[in-house]
Amino acid sequence: MNPRLGLILLFEGDTRKVNATIENVTAFTAVSAAFKNCDNDVTSTYIDTSPTYVGNLLISDLIGGKAAIVPGTYRYFMSGTYGGKIRTWYWDVLVLPKDLSLLAVMDIPIEDYDPLVEQVTIHEGDKFAKEVVIPGLEFSAATGEFRMFAENLTATYCASSPAVNVDRITTHNIGGLATIPAGDYGYFLTGTYNNSEAKSTWMFKIKVLPKQGVL
């Protein structure tokens, strides 16, 4: 029985509750969990809920529900008691930074989901909004951040606010407040699920070109 249950992909500030049905188990009688970064137990730092179960279904804590998880690699372990046995399963957890310069040198796995929506090219003075559609999900709220490296420039260049409509999330009006200088930027759009069991982030890579003649 493979103890690995999958990958949880998060950005800093995201949260997630996961579950898994365990084969060859009729019903659990108790469960426990631990969230670890290497050998360090960081459960109490980032989690303030408790795991649970229904029959042979393991249901995790709200991972990241207490505090924003620092970017890095983690593992979330769940141990279940059944039939006089205790067995442990785990999810690998990768927390990404909202920093395009760091993401550019990372090999981002898409086992969980692909966070890159689109690479957008515009010119100085342009403005636009984009929409993300995630079929099968329903969102209750959204936030967005426009960044150059780690610097949050949302208040400088973005007008309006992100909006949700069932399974659709719309970005700020990017470039709506001021002309964005030429350069490379990232826009990070975070949606809160209406069941409060997750906040997930999608990103746009944005290249702003200067308005100049041929040299």
N, C-alpha and C. Protein backbone atom coordinates (compact mmCIF):
# COMPACT_ATOMS: atom_id res chain seq x y z
N MET A 1 0.85 -1.19 0.00
CA MET A 1 0.00 0.00 0.00
C MET A 1 0.89 1.24 0.00
N ASN A 2 0.75 2.05 -1.05
CA ASN A 2 1.57 3.25 -1.17
C ASN A 2 1.11 4.29 -0.14
N PRO A 3 2.01 4.72 0.75
CA PRO A 3 1.57 5.69 1.77
C PRO A 3 1.41 7.11 1.23
N ARG A 4 1.95 7.39 0.04
CA ARG A 4 1.84 8.74 -0.51
C ARG A 4 0.48 8.93 -1.15
N LEU A 5 -0.23 9.98 -0.74
CA LEU A 5 -1.58 10.23 -1.22
C LEU A 5 -1.65 11.30 -2.30
N GLY A 6 -0.52 11.99 -2.54
CA GLY A 6 -0.52 12.98 -3.61
C GLY A 6 0.25 14.23 -3.24
N LEU A 7 0.08 15.25 -4.08
CA LEU A 7 0.76 16.54 -3.91
C LEU A 7 -0.27 17.62 -3.64
N ILE A 8 0.04 18.49 -2.69
CA ILE A 8 -0.75 19.69 -2.44
C ILE A 8 0.11 20.88 -2.86
N LEU A 9 -0.35 21.62 -3.87
CA LEU A 9 0.38 22.79 -4.37
C LEU A 9 -0.28 24.04 -3.83
N LEU A 10 0.49 24.87 -3.14
CA LEU A 10 -0.01 26.10 -2.55
C LEU A 10 0.91 27.26 -2.90
N PHE A 11 0.38 28.47 -2.87
CA PHE A 11 1.19 29.68 -2.81
C PHE A 11 1.13 30.18 -1.38
N GLU A 12 2.10 31.01 -1.00
CA GLU A 12 2.07 31.58 0.35
C GLU A 12 0.73 32.29 0.56
N GLY A 13 0.08 31.99 1.68
CA GLY A 13 -1.23 32.54 1.96
C GLY A 13 -2.39 31.63 1.59
N ASP A 14 -2.14 30.61 0.78
CA ASP A 14 -3.20 29.67 0.41
C ASP A 14 -3.49 28.70 1.56
N THR A 15 -4.67 28.10 1.51
CA THR A 15 -5.06 27.08 2.48
C THR A 15 -5.67 25.91 1.73
N ARG A 16 -5.70 24.75 2.40
CA ARG A 16 -6.31 23.59 1.74
C ARG A 16 -6.73 22.55 2.77
N LYS A 17 -7.89 21.98 2.54
CA LYS A 17 -8.33 20.78 3.26
C LYS A 17 -8.44 19.67 2.22
N VAL A 18 -7.86 18.52 2.51
CA VAL A 18 -7.87 17.41 1.56
C VAL A 18 -8.47 16.18 2.23
N ASN A 19 -8.80 15.18 1.41
CA ASN A 19 -9.31 13.93 1.95
C ASN A 19 -8.88 12.78 1.06
N ALA A 20 -8.93 11.59 1.60
CA ALA A 20 -8.56 10.40 0.83
C ALA A 20 -9.31 9.19 1.38
N THR A 21 -9.84 8.39 0.47
CA THR A 21 -10.47 7.13 0.84
C THR A 21 -9.40 6.05 0.85
N ILE A 22 -9.28 5.33 1.96
CA ILE A 22 -8.23 4.33 2.12
C ILE A 22 -8.80 2.93 1.86
N GLU A 23 -8.24 2.27 0.88
CA GLU A 23 -8.71 0.92 0.53
C GLU A 23 -8.34 -0.09 1.62
N ASN A 24 -9.13 -1.13 1.70
CA ASN A 24 -8.92 -2.25 2.64
C ASN A 24 -9.05 -1.82 4.10
N VAL A 25 -9.70 -0.69 4.32
CA VAL A 25 -10.02 -0.25 5.68
C VAL A 25 -11.54 -0.08 5.75
N THR A 26 -12.16 -0.75 6.71
CA THR A 26 -13.61 -0.63 6.85
C THR A 26 -13.98 0.71 7.48
N ALA A 27 -13.35 1.00 8.62
CA ALA A 27 -13.63 2.27 9.30
C ALA A 27 -12.51 2.58 10.27
N PHE A 28 -12.14 3.85 10.33
CA PHE A 28 -11.17 4.30 11.33
C PHE A 28 -11.89 4.55 12.65
N THR A 29 -11.12 4.43 13.72
CA THR A 29 -11.67 4.75 15.05
C THR A 29 -10.99 5.97 15.65
N ALA A 30 -9.87 6.38 15.09
CA ALA A 30 -9.18 7.59 15.54
C ALA A 30 -8.19 8.01 14.46
N VAL A 31 -7.89 9.32 14.41
CA VAL A 31 -6.89 9.83 13.47
C VAL A 31 -6.08 10.93 14.16
N SER A 32 -4.88 11.13 13.66
CA SER A 32 -4.04 12.25 14.11
C SER A 32 -3.25 12.73 12.90
N ALA A 33 -2.65 13.92 13.05
CA ALA A 33 -1.93 14.50 11.91
C ALA A 33 -0.73 15.29 12.39
N ALA A 34 0.24 15.43 11.48
CA ALA A 34 1.43 16.25 11.74
C ALA A 34 1.85 16.91 10.44
N PHE A 35 2.24 18.17 10.53
CA PHE A 35 2.71 18.93 9.38
C PHE A 35 4.18 19.23 9.61
N LYS A 36 5.05 18.76 8.68
CA LYS A 36 6.49 18.83 8.94
C LYS A 36 7.24 19.48 7.79
N ASN A 37 8.25 20.26 8.17
CA ASN A 37 9.23 20.83 7.26
C ASN A 37 10.56 20.20 7.63
N CYS A 38 11.03 19.27 6.81
CA CYS A 38 12.17 18.42 7.17
C CYS A 38 11.85 17.72 8.49
N ASP A 39 12.69 17.86 9.51
CA ASP A 39 12.42 17.22 10.79
C ASP A 39 11.64 18.11 11.75
N ASN A 40 11.30 19.30 11.33
CA ASN A 40 10.64 20.24 12.23
C ASN A 40 9.12 20.10 12.15
N ASP A 41 8.50 19.89 13.30
CA ASP A 41 7.05 19.81 13.37
C ASP A 41 6.50 21.24 13.45
N VAL A 42 5.82 21.65 12.39
CA VAL A 42 5.30 23.02 12.31
C VAL A 42 3.77 23.04 12.36
N THR A 43 3.20 21.97 12.87
CA THR A 43 1.74 21.85 12.92
C THR A 43 1.12 23.03 13.65
N SER A 44 1.61 23.31 14.86
CA SER A 44 1.00 24.36 15.68
C SER A 44 1.25 25.76 15.12
N THR A 45 2.23 25.89 14.23
CA THR A 45 2.52 27.19 13.61
C THR A 45 1.50 27.54 12.54
N TYR A 46 1.08 26.54 11.77
CA TYR A 46 0.26 26.81 10.60
C TYR A 46 -1.16 26.24 10.65
N ILE A 47 -1.45 25.41 11.66
CA ILE A 47 -2.75 24.72 11.69
C ILE A 47 -3.38 24.89 13.07
N ASP A 48 -4.68 25.23 13.10
CA ASP A 48 -5.37 25.36 14.38
C ASP A 48 -6.70 24.60 14.38
N THR A 49 -6.83 23.62 13.48
CA THR A 49 -8.01 22.77 13.45
C THR A 49 -7.57 21.33 13.71
N SER A 50 -8.49 20.39 13.64
CA SER A 50 -8.17 18.99 13.89
C SER A 50 -8.60 18.12 12.71
N PRO A 51 -7.84 17.07 12.42
CA PRO A 51 -8.27 16.15 11.36
C PRO A 51 -9.43 15.31 11.85
N THR A 52 -10.12 14.70 10.91
CA THR A 52 -11.24 13.84 11.27
C THR A 52 -11.37 12.72 10.25
N TYR A 53 -12.45 11.96 10.36
CA TYR A 53 -12.66 10.82 9.47
C TYR A 53 -14.15 10.50 9.41
N VAL A 54 -14.52 9.84 8.32
CA VAL A 54 -15.86 9.28 8.17
C VAL A 54 -15.68 7.90 7.56
N GLY A 55 -15.91 6.85 8.33
CA GLY A 55 -15.67 5.51 7.83
C GLY A 55 -14.20 5.33 7.48
N ASN A 56 -13.93 5.04 6.21
CA ASN A 56 -12.52 4.88 5.78
C ASN A 56 -12.02 6.11 5.02
N LEU A 57 -12.70 7.24 5.21
CA LEU A 57 -12.30 8.49 4.57
C LEU A 57 -11.52 9.36 5.56
N LEU A 58 -10.25 9.66 5.23
CA LEU A 58 -9.44 10.56 6.03
C LEU A 58 -9.72 12.00 5.59
N ILE A 59 -9.92 12.89 6.55
CA ILE A 59 -10.19 14.30 6.25
C ILE A 59 -9.18 15.15 7.02
N SER A 60 -8.41 15.93 6.31
CA SER A 60 -7.30 16.67 6.92
C SER A 60 -7.76 17.88 7.70
N ASP A 61 -6.80 18.50 8.40
CA ASP A 61 -6.98 19.84 8.94
C ASP A 61 -7.11 20.83 7.79
N LEU A 62 -7.40 22.09 8.12
CA LEU A 62 -7.28 23.17 7.14
C LEU A 62 -5.82 23.61 7.16
N ILE A 63 -5.06 23.13 6.22
CA ILE A 63 -3.62 23.37 6.17
C ILE A 63 -3.37 24.83 5.81
N GLY A 64 -2.63 25.55 6.66
CA GLY A 64 -2.40 26.97 6.45
C GLY A 64 -3.49 27.84 7.02
N GLY A 65 -4.42 27.26 7.75
CA GLY A 65 -5.55 28.03 8.27
C GLY A 65 -5.20 28.96 9.41
N LYS A 66 -4.08 28.72 10.09
CA LYS A 66 -3.68 29.56 11.22
C LYS A 66 -2.77 30.70 10.80
N ALA A 67 -1.86 30.43 9.88
CA ALA A 67 -0.90 31.45 9.42
C ALA A 67 -0.44 31.10 8.02
N ALA A 68 0.01 32.12 7.28
CA ALA A 68 0.52 31.90 5.92
C ALA A 68 1.78 31.05 5.99
N ILE A 69 1.81 29.98 5.21
CA ILE A 69 2.94 29.06 5.22
C ILE A 69 4.09 29.65 4.41
N VAL A 70 5.27 29.65 5.00
CA VAL A 70 6.47 30.14 4.34
C VAL A 70 6.79 29.23 3.14
N PRO A 71 7.14 29.81 1.98
CA PRO A 71 7.47 28.97 0.82
C PRO A 71 8.53 27.93 1.15
N GLY A 72 8.33 26.73 0.62
CA GLY A 72 9.25 25.62 0.87
C GLY A 72 8.54 24.30 0.66
N THR A 73 9.22 23.21 1.03
CA THR A 73 8.66 21.87 0.88
C THR A 73 8.30 21.30 2.25
N TYR A 74 7.16 20.66 2.31
CA TYR A 74 6.62 20.13 3.55
C TYR A 74 6.00 18.75 3.29
N ARG A 75 5.64 18.09 4.38
CA ARG A 75 4.80 16.89 4.29
C ARG A 75 3.72 16.95 5.35
N TYR A 76 2.53 16.55 4.94
CA TYR A 76 1.41 16.47 5.87
C TYR A 76 1.10 14.99 6.08
N PHE A 77 1.28 14.53 7.31
CA PHE A 77 1.08 13.13 7.66
C PHE A 77 -0.25 12.94 8.37
N MET A 78 -0.97 11.87 8.01
CA MET A 78 -2.17 11.47 8.74
C MET A 78 -2.03 10.02 9.16
N SER A 79 -2.24 9.76 10.44
CA SER A 79 -2.20 8.41 10.98
C SER A 79 -3.61 8.00 11.38
N GLY A 80 -4.01 6.80 10.98
CA GLY A 80 -5.34 6.29 11.29
C GLY A 80 -5.29 5.00 12.07
N THR A 81 -6.17 4.89 13.05
CA THR A 81 -6.29 3.67 13.85
C THR A 81 -7.49 2.87 13.35
N TYR A 82 -7.26 1.58 13.09
CA TYR A 82 -8.35 0.71 12.63
C TYR A 82 -7.96 -0.74 12.92
N GLY A 83 -8.90 -1.53 13.38
CA GLY A 83 -8.67 -2.97 13.60
C GLY A 83 -7.45 -3.27 14.43
N GLY A 84 -7.16 -2.43 15.42
CA GLY A 84 -5.99 -2.66 16.26
C GLY A 84 -4.67 -2.24 15.63
N LYS A 85 -4.72 -1.62 14.46
CA LYS A 85 -3.51 -1.17 13.76
C LYS A 85 -3.47 0.35 13.71
N ILE A 86 -2.27 0.89 13.54
CA ILE A 86 -2.09 2.31 13.24
C ILE A 86 -1.23 2.40 11.99
N ARG A 87 -1.74 3.06 10.98
CA ARG A 87 -0.99 3.25 9.73
C ARG A 87 -0.93 4.73 9.41
N THR A 88 0.15 5.12 8.71
CA THR A 88 0.36 6.53 8.37
C THR A 88 0.44 6.72 6.86
N TRP A 89 -0.22 7.76 6.39
CA TRP A 89 -0.17 8.18 4.99
C TRP A 89 0.25 9.65 4.95
N TYR A 90 0.62 10.14 3.76
CA TYR A 90 1.07 11.53 3.70
C TYR A 90 0.83 12.15 2.33
N TRP A 91 0.75 13.47 2.36
CA TRP A 91 0.77 14.29 1.14
C TRP A 91 2.06 15.10 1.13
N ASP A 92 2.73 15.18 -0.01
CA ASP A 92 3.79 16.17 -0.18
C ASP A 92 3.14 17.53 -0.37
N VAL A 93 3.72 18.56 0.23
CA VAL A 93 3.18 19.91 0.13
C VAL A 93 4.27 20.85 -0.38
N LEU A 94 4.01 21.52 -1.49
CA LEU A 94 4.94 22.50 -2.04
C LEU A 94 4.29 23.87 -1.96
N VAL A 95 4.93 24.79 -1.25
CA VAL A 95 4.42 26.15 -1.10
C VAL A 95 5.30 27.08 -1.93
N LEU A 96 4.67 27.77 -2.88
CA LEU A 96 5.41 28.62 -3.82
C LEU A 96 5.39 30.08 -3.38
N PRO A 97 6.44 30.83 -3.70
CA PRO A 97 6.45 32.27 -3.41
C PRO A 97 5.69 33.03 -4.49
N LYS A 98 5.14 34.18 -4.13
CA LYS A 98 4.53 35.06 -5.13
C LYS A 98 5.60 36.01 -5.63
N ASP A 99 6.55 35.44 -6.35
CA ASP A 99 7.72 36.18 -6.83
C ASP A 99 8.15 35.54 -8.14
N LEU A 100 7.88 36.22 -9.25
CA LEU A 100 8.14 35.65 -10.57
C LEU A 100 9.61 35.32 -10.80
N SER A 101 10.52 36.11 -10.20
CA SER A 101 11.94 35.86 -10.40
C SER A 101 12.36 34.53 -9.77
N LEU A 102 11.75 34.18 -8.64
CA LEU A 102 12.05 32.90 -8.00
C LEU A 102 11.34 31.75 -8.71
N LEU A 103 10.12 31.99 -9.14
CA LEU A 103 9.36 30.95 -9.83
C LEU A 103 10.01 30.58 -11.17
N ALA A 104 10.71 31.54 -11.78
CA ALA A 104 11.32 31.31 -13.09
C ALA A 104 12.39 30.22 -13.06
N VAL A 105 13.01 30.01 -11.89
CA VAL A 105 14.08 29.01 -11.80
C VAL A 105 13.59 27.74 -11.12
N MET A 106 12.28 27.64 -10.92
CA MET A 106 11.72 26.46 -10.28
C MET A 106 11.01 25.57 -11.30
N ASP A 107 11.09 24.26 -11.09
CA ASP A 107 10.34 23.31 -11.89
C ASP A 107 9.05 23.03 -11.13
N ILE A 108 7.96 23.67 -11.53
CA ILE A 108 6.71 23.58 -10.79
C ILE A 108 5.92 22.36 -11.27
N PRO A 109 5.69 21.37 -10.41
CA PRO A 109 4.92 20.20 -10.81
C PRO A 109 3.45 20.56 -10.97
N ILE A 110 2.76 19.88 -11.88
CA ILE A 110 1.33 20.17 -12.10
C ILE A 110 0.49 18.94 -11.73
N GLU A 111 1.03 18.09 -10.85
CA GLU A 111 0.29 16.92 -10.39
C GLU A 111 -1.02 17.32 -9.71
N ASP A 112 -0.99 18.41 -8.94
CA ASP A 112 -2.18 18.89 -8.26
C ASP A 112 -3.01 19.74 -9.22
N TYR A 113 -2.45 20.84 -9.70
CA TYR A 113 -3.08 21.68 -10.72
C TYR A 113 -2.00 22.55 -11.34
N ASP A 114 -2.29 23.11 -12.51
CA ASP A 114 -1.34 23.99 -13.19
C ASP A 114 -1.70 25.44 -12.83
N PRO A 115 -0.84 26.12 -12.06
CA PRO A 115 -1.19 27.47 -11.62
C PRO A 115 -1.03 28.55 -12.68
N LEU A 116 -0.30 28.25 -13.76
CA LEU A 116 -0.07 29.27 -14.79
C LEU A 116 -1.25 29.30 -15.75
N VAL A 117 -1.96 30.43 -15.77
CA VAL A 117 -3.12 30.57 -16.63
C VAL A 117 -2.71 31.01 -18.03
N GLU A 118 -1.85 32.03 -18.11
CA GLU A 118 -1.53 32.62 -19.40
C GLU A 118 -0.31 33.51 -19.29
N GLN A 119 0.43 33.62 -20.39
CA GLN A 119 1.51 34.60 -20.51
C GLN A 119 0.99 35.73 -21.39
N VAL A 120 0.95 36.92 -20.82
CA VAL A 120 0.33 38.06 -21.48
C VAL A 120 1.40 39.07 -21.87
N THR A 121 1.33 39.57 -23.10
CA THR A 121 2.25 40.62 -23.56
C THR A 121 1.43 41.87 -23.91
N ILE A 122 1.80 42.99 -23.29
CA ILE A 122 1.13 44.26 -23.57
C ILE A 122 2.20 45.34 -23.79
N HIS A 123 1.75 46.55 -24.09
CA HIS A 123 2.66 47.69 -24.21
C HIS A 123 2.39 48.68 -23.07
N GLU A 124 3.36 49.53 -22.82
CA GLU A 124 3.18 50.60 -21.83
C GLU A 124 1.91 51.39 -22.18
N GLY A 125 1.08 51.64 -21.16
CA GLY A 125 -0.16 52.38 -21.38
C GLY A 125 -1.37 51.49 -21.59
N ASP A 126 -1.15 50.21 -21.88
CA ASP A 126 -2.27 49.29 -22.05
C ASP A 126 -2.88 48.95 -20.68
N LYS A 127 -4.12 48.54 -20.70
CA LYS A 127 -4.78 48.05 -19.49
C LYS A 127 -5.73 46.92 -19.87
N PHE A 128 -5.96 46.01 -18.95
CA PHE A 128 -6.78 44.84 -19.28
C PHE A 128 -7.21 44.13 -17.99
N ALA A 129 -8.22 43.28 -18.12
CA ALA A 129 -8.63 42.36 -17.07
C ALA A 129 -8.74 40.97 -17.68
N LYS A 130 -8.50 39.96 -16.88
CA LYS A 130 -8.58 38.58 -17.33
C LYS A 130 -9.52 37.79 -16.44
N GLU A 131 -10.00 36.68 -16.97
CA GLU A 131 -10.93 35.83 -16.24
C GLU A 131 -10.38 34.41 -16.16
N VAL A 132 -10.53 33.80 -15.01
CA VAL A 132 -10.16 32.40 -14.81
C VAL A 132 -11.44 31.62 -14.56
N VAL A 133 -11.62 30.52 -15.28
CA VAL A 133 -12.79 29.67 -15.10
C VAL A 133 -12.31 28.30 -14.62
N ILE A 134 -12.82 27.86 -13.47
CA ILE A 134 -12.46 26.56 -12.90
C ILE A 134 -13.74 25.73 -12.82
N PRO A 135 -14.04 24.94 -13.85
CA PRO A 135 -15.30 24.18 -13.85
C PRO A 135 -15.40 23.25 -12.63
N GLY A 136 -16.59 23.20 -12.08
CA GLY A 136 -16.83 22.31 -10.95
C GLY A 136 -16.61 22.95 -9.59
N LEU A 137 -16.02 24.14 -9.57
CA LEU A 137 -15.81 24.84 -8.31
C LEU A 137 -16.75 26.04 -8.21
N GLU A 138 -16.94 26.50 -6.98
CA GLU A 138 -17.71 27.71 -6.76
C GLU A 138 -16.96 28.57 -5.76
N PHE A 139 -16.77 29.83 -6.11
CA PHE A 139 -15.97 30.73 -5.30
C PHE A 139 -16.85 31.73 -4.56
N SER A 140 -16.39 32.12 -3.36
CA SER A 140 -17.13 33.10 -2.56
C SER A 140 -16.42 34.44 -2.50
N ALA A 141 -15.12 34.48 -2.78
CA ALA A 141 -14.34 35.72 -2.72
C ALA A 141 -13.07 35.55 -3.51
N ALA A 142 -12.43 36.68 -3.83
CA ALA A 142 -11.17 36.63 -4.57
C ALA A 142 -10.32 37.84 -4.21
N THR A 143 -9.02 37.67 -4.30
CA THR A 143 -8.06 38.76 -4.15
C THR A 143 -7.02 38.64 -5.25
N GLY A 144 -6.34 39.74 -5.52
CA GLY A 144 -5.31 39.71 -6.55
C GLY A 144 -4.12 40.56 -6.16
N GLU A 145 -2.93 40.16 -6.63
CA GLU A 145 -1.71 40.90 -6.36
C GLU A 145 -0.91 41.03 -7.65
N PHE A 146 -0.54 42.26 -7.96
CA PHE A 146 0.30 42.55 -9.12
C PHE A 146 1.70 42.82 -8.60
N ARG A 147 2.68 42.03 -9.02
CA ARG A 147 4.01 42.11 -8.42
C ARG A 147 5.11 42.20 -9.46
N MET A 148 6.16 42.94 -9.09
CA MET A 148 7.44 42.85 -9.78
C MET A 148 8.41 42.28 -8.76
N PHE A 149 8.97 41.13 -9.05
CA PHE A 149 9.72 40.36 -8.06
C PHE A 149 8.80 40.15 -6.85
N ALA A 150 9.22 40.47 -5.64
CA ALA A 150 8.37 40.27 -4.47
C ALA A 150 7.57 41.52 -4.11
N GLU A 151 7.80 42.64 -4.84
CA GLU A 151 7.15 43.90 -4.48
C GLU A 151 5.72 43.94 -4.98
N ASN A 152 4.79 44.20 -4.06
CA ASN A 152 3.38 44.28 -4.41
C ASN A 152 3.06 45.69 -4.94
N LEU A 153 2.72 45.76 -6.22
CA LEU A 153 2.45 47.03 -6.88
C LEU A 153 0.98 47.21 -7.24
N THR A 154 0.13 46.41 -6.62
CA THR A 154 -1.29 46.42 -6.96
C THR A 154 -1.89 47.81 -6.80
N ALA A 155 -1.64 48.44 -5.66
CA ALA A 155 -2.26 49.75 -5.39
C ALA A 155 -1.74 50.84 -6.32
N THR A 156 -0.60 50.60 -6.94
CA THR A 156 -0.02 51.61 -7.85
C THR A 156 -0.63 51.54 -9.24
N TYR A 157 -0.88 50.33 -9.72
CA TYR A 157 -1.24 50.17 -11.13
C TYR A 157 -2.62 49.56 -11.40
N CYS A 158 -3.27 49.00 -10.39
CA CYS A 158 -4.50 48.25 -10.65
C CYS A 158 -5.74 48.95 -10.12
N ALA A 159 -6.76 49.06 -10.98
CA ALA A 159 -8.04 49.65 -10.60
C ALA A 159 -9.06 48.55 -10.35
N SER A 160 -10.19 48.93 -9.76
CA SER A 160 -11.30 48.03 -9.43
C SER A 160 -10.83 46.95 -8.46
N SER A 161 -11.58 45.86 -8.38
CA SER A 161 -11.24 44.75 -7.48
C SER A 161 -11.57 43.44 -8.17
N PRO A 162 -10.91 42.36 -7.78
CA PRO A 162 -11.28 41.05 -8.33
C PRO A 162 -12.73 40.72 -7.99
N ALA A 163 -13.38 39.98 -8.87
CA ALA A 163 -14.78 39.62 -8.66
C ALA A 163 -14.98 38.13 -8.93
N VAL A 164 -16.01 37.56 -8.31
CA VAL A 164 -16.33 36.15 -8.52
C VAL A 164 -17.75 36.01 -9.03
N ASN A 165 -17.96 35.00 -9.84
CA ASN A 165 -19.29 34.65 -10.33
C ASN A 165 -19.33 33.13 -10.50
N VAL A 166 -19.74 32.45 -9.47
CA VAL A 166 -19.81 30.98 -9.41
C VAL A 166 -18.40 30.42 -9.64
N ASP A 167 -18.11 29.87 -10.82
CA ASP A 167 -16.80 29.24 -11.07
C ASP A 167 -15.84 30.17 -11.81
N ARG A 168 -16.16 31.46 -11.86
CA ARG A 168 -15.34 32.43 -12.60
C ARG A 168 -14.76 33.47 -11.65
N ILE A 169 -13.48 33.79 -11.85
CA ILE A 169 -12.84 34.85 -11.08
C ILE A 169 -12.25 35.84 -12.09
N THR A 170 -12.50 37.12 -11.85
CA THR A 170 -11.99 38.17 -12.72
C THR A 170 -10.95 38.99 -11.97
N THR A 171 -9.87 39.34 -12.65
CA THR A 171 -8.77 40.08 -12.06
C THR A 171 -9.13 41.55 -11.85
N HIS A 172 -8.22 42.29 -11.21
CA HIS A 172 -8.28 43.75 -11.25
C HIS A 172 -8.26 44.22 -12.71
N ASN A 173 -8.53 45.50 -12.89
CA ASN A 173 -8.24 46.16 -14.16
C ASN A 173 -6.75 46.52 -14.11
N ILE A 174 -5.93 45.68 -14.68
CA ILE A 174 -4.48 45.81 -14.58
C ILE A 174 -4.00 46.93 -15.51
N GLY A 175 -3.31 47.90 -14.92
CA GLY A 175 -2.91 49.09 -15.67
C GLY A 175 -3.97 50.18 -15.66
N GLY A 176 -5.06 49.96 -14.90
CA GLY A 176 -6.16 50.91 -14.90
C GLY A 176 -5.90 52.17 -14.10
N LEU A 177 -4.92 52.16 -13.21
CA LEU A 177 -4.62 53.34 -12.39
C LEU A 177 -3.48 54.18 -12.94
N ALA A 178 -2.51 53.52 -13.54
CA ALA A 178 -1.32 54.24 -14.04
C ALA A 178 -0.64 53.39 -15.10
N THR A 179 0.16 54.02 -15.90
CA THR A 179 0.91 53.31 -16.94
C THR A 179 1.97 52.41 -16.31
N ILE A 180 1.95 51.16 -16.69
CA ILE A 180 2.93 50.21 -16.15
C ILE A 180 4.22 50.33 -16.96
N PRO A 181 5.35 50.57 -16.31
CA PRO A 181 6.62 50.66 -17.03
C PRO A 181 6.99 49.32 -17.67
N ALA A 182 7.77 49.38 -18.72
CA ALA A 182 8.23 48.15 -19.38
C ALA A 182 8.95 47.26 -18.38
N GLY A 183 8.71 45.97 -18.48
CA GLY A 183 9.35 45.02 -17.58
C GLY A 183 8.54 43.74 -17.49
N ASP A 184 8.97 42.85 -16.61
CA ASP A 184 8.30 41.57 -16.40
C ASP A 184 7.62 41.57 -15.04
N TYR A 185 6.35 41.14 -15.03
CA TYR A 185 5.54 41.18 -13.83
C TYR A 185 4.79 39.86 -13.66
N GLY A 186 4.26 39.67 -12.47
CA GLY A 186 3.37 38.54 -12.21
C GLY A 186 2.09 39.04 -11.57
N TYR A 187 0.98 38.45 -11.96
CA TYR A 187 -0.30 38.75 -11.31
C TYR A 187 -0.81 37.46 -10.69
N PHE A 188 -1.09 37.50 -9.39
CA PHE A 188 -1.49 36.31 -8.64
C PHE A 188 -2.94 36.48 -8.19
N LEU A 189 -3.81 35.61 -8.68
CA LEU A 189 -5.24 35.69 -8.42
C LEU A 189 -5.65 34.54 -7.50
N THR A 190 -6.15 34.88 -6.32
CA THR A 190 -6.48 33.88 -5.31
C THR A 190 -7.99 33.81 -5.11
N GLY A 191 -8.54 32.62 -5.22
CA GLY A 191 -9.97 32.41 -5.02
C GLY A 191 -10.24 31.62 -3.76
N THR A 192 -11.23 32.07 -2.99
CA THR A 192 -11.68 31.34 -1.80
C THR A 192 -12.87 30.48 -2.18
N TYR A 193 -12.78 29.18 -1.91
CA TYR A 193 -13.87 28.27 -2.24
C TYR A 193 -15.07 28.55 -1.33
N ASN A 194 -16.27 28.37 -1.85
CA ASN A 194 -17.44 28.71 -1.06
C ASN A 194 -17.68 27.75 0.11
N ASN A 195 -16.98 26.60 0.13
CA ASN A 195 -17.08 25.70 1.28
C ASN A 195 -16.02 26.01 2.34
N SER A 196 -15.24 27.06 2.11
CA SER A 196 -14.20 27.51 3.04
C SER A 196 -13.10 26.47 3.26
N GLU A 197 -13.00 25.49 2.37
CA GLU A 197 -12.01 24.44 2.55
C GLU A 197 -10.74 24.67 1.74
N ALA A 198 -10.65 25.80 1.06
CA ALA A 198 -9.43 26.08 0.32
C ALA A 198 -9.38 27.53 -0.15
N LYS A 199 -8.15 28.04 -0.26
CA LYS A 199 -7.84 29.23 -1.04
C LYS A 199 -6.75 28.79 -2.00
N SER A 200 -6.99 28.97 -3.29
CA SER A 200 -6.01 28.56 -4.29
C SER A 200 -5.66 29.74 -5.19
N THR A 201 -4.43 29.72 -5.68
CA THR A 201 -3.91 30.85 -6.46
C THR A 201 -3.53 30.42 -7.87
N TRP A 202 -3.90 31.25 -8.82
CA TRP A 202 -3.48 31.11 -10.22
C TRP A 202 -2.67 32.35 -10.61
N MET A 203 -1.80 32.19 -11.59
CA MET A 203 -0.93 33.33 -11.92
C MET A 203 -0.89 33.61 -13.42
N PHE A 204 -0.63 34.88 -13.72
CA PHE A 204 -0.38 35.35 -15.08
C PHE A 204 1.04 35.90 -15.13
N LYS A 205 1.79 35.53 -16.14
CA LYS A 205 3.08 36.18 -16.39
C LYS A 205 2.83 37.30 -17.40
N ILE A 206 3.24 38.50 -17.05
CA ILE A 206 2.93 39.68 -17.86
C ILE A 206 4.22 40.37 -18.29
N LYS A 207 4.38 40.50 -19.58
CA LYS A 207 5.52 41.25 -20.13
C LYS A 207 4.99 42.56 -20.69
N VAL A 208 5.54 43.66 -20.18
CA VAL A 208 5.16 44.99 -20.67
C VAL A 208 6.28 45.50 -21.56
N LEU A 209 5.94 45.79 -22.81
CA LEU A 209 6.94 46.27 -23.78
C LEU A 209 6.92 47.79 -23.87
N PRO A 210 8.08 48.40 -24.16
CA PRO A 210 8.12 49.85 -24.34
C PRO A 210 7.54 50.22 -25.72
N LYS A 211 7.00 51.43 -25.80
CA LYS A 211 6.55 51.93 -27.10
C LYS A 211 7.71 52.69 -27.73
N GLN A 212 8.43 51.99 -28.58
CA GLN A 212 9.60 52.61 -29.22
C GLN A 212 9.69 52.15 -30.66
N GLY A 213 10.32 52.95 -31.50
CA GLY A 213 10.49 52.59 -32.89
C GLY A 213 11.59 51.56 -33.04
N VAL A 214 11.74 51.08 -34.26
CA VAL A 214 12.78 50.09 -34.55
C VAL A 214 14.14 50.77 -34.46
N LEU A 215 15.06 50.16 -33.71
CA LEU A 215 16.39 50.75 -33.54
C LEU A 215 17.31 50.29 -34.67
